[in-house]
């Protein structure tokens, strides 16, 4: 679990999306996957950093 006030770098967010992708059997992560990801950032963190969920998935290369 992330400490309160911890800020993840963009590279860390990308790594976490790739983790979720692998966890889903190489399937595109859904927003609910981010919300249920214990120890990881929530959906809103990705949107704040990348501008949208779709852009976050694209940058991580897991949008297909």
C-alpha atoms as a PDB file:
ATOM      1  CA  UNK A   1       0.000   0.000   0.000  1.00  0.00           C
ATOM      2  CA  UNK A   2       1.232   3.470  -0.815  1.00  0.00           C
ATOM      3  CA  UNK A   3       1.917   5.835   2.047  1.00  0.00           C
ATOM      4  CA  UNK A   4      -0.448   8.786   2.322  1.00  0.00           C
ATOM      5  CA  UNK A   5       0.861  11.676   0.262  1.00  0.00           C
ATOM      6  CA  UNK A   6       3.143   9.448  -1.833  1.00  0.00           C
ATOM      7  CA  UNK A   7       3.417  10.600  -5.416  1.00  0.00           C
ATOM      8  CA  UNK A   8       4.203   8.082  -8.109  1.00  0.00           C
ATOM      9  CA  UNK A   9       6.307   9.027 -11.088  1.00  0.00           C
ATOM     10  CA  UNK A  10       4.935   8.562 -14.575  1.00  0.00           C
ATOM     11  CA  UNK A  11       7.277   5.601 -15.142  1.00  0.00           C
ATOM     12  CA  UNK A  12       5.935   3.901 -12.016  1.00  0.00           C
ATOM     13  CA  UNK A  13       2.364   4.371 -13.203  1.00  0.00           C
ATOM     14  CA  UNK A  14       3.261   2.828 -16.560  1.00  0.00           C
ATOM     15  CA  UNK A  15       4.868  -0.131 -14.794  1.00  0.00           C
ATOM     16  CA  UNK A  16       1.732  -0.595 -12.697  1.00  0.00           C
ATOM     17  CA  UNK A  17      -0.493  -0.595 -15.790  1.00  0.00           C
ATOM     18  CA  UNK A  18       1.742  -3.226 -17.352  1.00  0.00           C
ATOM     19  CA  UNK A  19       1.441  -5.263 -14.145  1.00  0.00           C
ATOM     20  CA  UNK A  20      -2.374  -5.053 -14.354  1.00  0.00           C
ATOM     21  CA  UNK A  21      -2.197  -6.055 -18.021  1.00  0.00           C
ATOM     22  CA  UNK A  22      -0.217  -9.184 -17.173  1.00  0.00           C
ATOM     23  CA  UNK A  23      -2.432  -9.915 -14.179  1.00  0.00           C
ATOM     24  CA  UNK A  24      -5.459  -9.956 -16.524  1.00  0.00           C
ATOM     25  CA  UNK A  25      -3.798 -12.504 -18.812  1.00  0.00           C
ATOM     26  CA  UNK A  26      -2.428  -9.930 -21.276  1.00  0.00           C
ATOM     27  CA  UNK A  27      -5.761  -8.173 -21.578  1.00  0.00           C
ATOM     28  CA  UNK A  28      -6.356  -4.438 -21.511  1.00  0.00           C
ATOM     29  CA  UNK A  29      -6.748  -3.178 -17.924  1.00  0.00           C
ATOM     30  CA  UNK A  30     -10.185  -1.785 -17.046  1.00  0.00           C
ATOM     31  CA  UNK A  31     -10.786   1.168 -14.765  1.00  0.00           C
ATOM     32  CA  UNK A  32     -12.207  -1.216 -12.163  1.00  0.00           C
ATOM     33  CA  UNK A  33      -8.871  -3.072 -12.171  1.00  0.00           C
ATOM     34  CA  UNK A  34      -7.123   0.126 -11.106  1.00  0.00           C
ATOM     35  CA  UNK A  35      -9.761   0.812  -8.461  1.00  0.00           C
ATOM     36  CA  UNK A  36      -9.389  -2.691  -7.018  1.00  0.00           C
ATOM     37  CA  UNK A  37      -5.583  -2.727  -7.235  1.00  0.00           C
ATOM     38  CA  UNK A  38      -4.489  -2.933  -3.604  1.00  0.00           C
ATOM     39  CA  UNK A  39      -1.231  -1.109  -3.089  1.00  0.00           C
ATOM     40  CA  UNK A  40      -1.505   0.699  -6.396  1.00  0.00           C
ATOM     41  CA  UNK A  41      -2.808   4.071  -7.487  1.00  0.00           C
ATOM     42  CA  UNK A  42      -6.478   4.523  -8.263  1.00  0.00           C
ATOM     43  CA  UNK A  43      -8.052   5.414 -11.577  1.00  0.00           C
ATOM     44  CA  UNK A  44      -8.100   9.154 -10.832  1.00  0.00           C
ATOM     45  CA  UNK A  45      -4.319   9.196 -10.407  1.00  0.00           C
ATOM     46  CA  UNK A  46      -3.848   7.919 -13.956  1.00  0.00           C
ATOM     47  CA  UNK A  47      -6.295  10.478 -15.331  1.00  0.00           C
ATOM     48  CA  UNK A  48      -4.572  13.295 -13.462  1.00  0.00           C
ATOM     49  CA  UNK A  49      -1.127  12.275 -14.719  1.00  0.00           C
ATOM     50  CA  UNK A  50      -1.945  11.332 -18.328  1.00  0.00           C
ATOM     51  CA  UNK A  51      -5.079  13.347 -19.035  1.00  0.00           C
ATOM     52  CA  UNK A  52      -7.314  10.314 -19.558  1.00  0.00           C
ATOM     53  CA  UNK A  53      -7.450   6.585 -18.890  1.00  0.00           C
ATOM     54  CA  UNK A  54      -7.089   5.893 -22.620  1.00  0.00           C
ATOM     55  CA  UNK A  55      -3.916   7.998 -22.878  1.00  0.00           C
ATOM     56  CA  UNK A  56      -2.423   6.179 -19.862  1.00  0.00           C
ATOM     57  CA  UNK A  57      -3.086   2.815 -21.519  1.00  0.00           C
ATOM     58  CA  UNK A  58      -1.583   4.039 -24.786  1.00  0.00           C
ATOM     59  CA  UNK A  59       1.610   5.276 -23.110  1.00  0.00           C
ATOM     60  CA  UNK A  60       1.977   1.956 -21.311  1.00  0.00           C
ATOM     61  CA  UNK A  61       1.386   0.080 -24.562  1.00  0.00           C
ATOM     62  CA  UNK A  62      -1.529  -1.908 -23.123  1.00  0.00           C
ATOM     63  CA  UNK A  63      -4.414  -0.285 -24.991  1.00  0.00           C
ATOM     64  CA  UNK A  64      -5.075  -3.230 -27.337  1.00  0.00           C
END
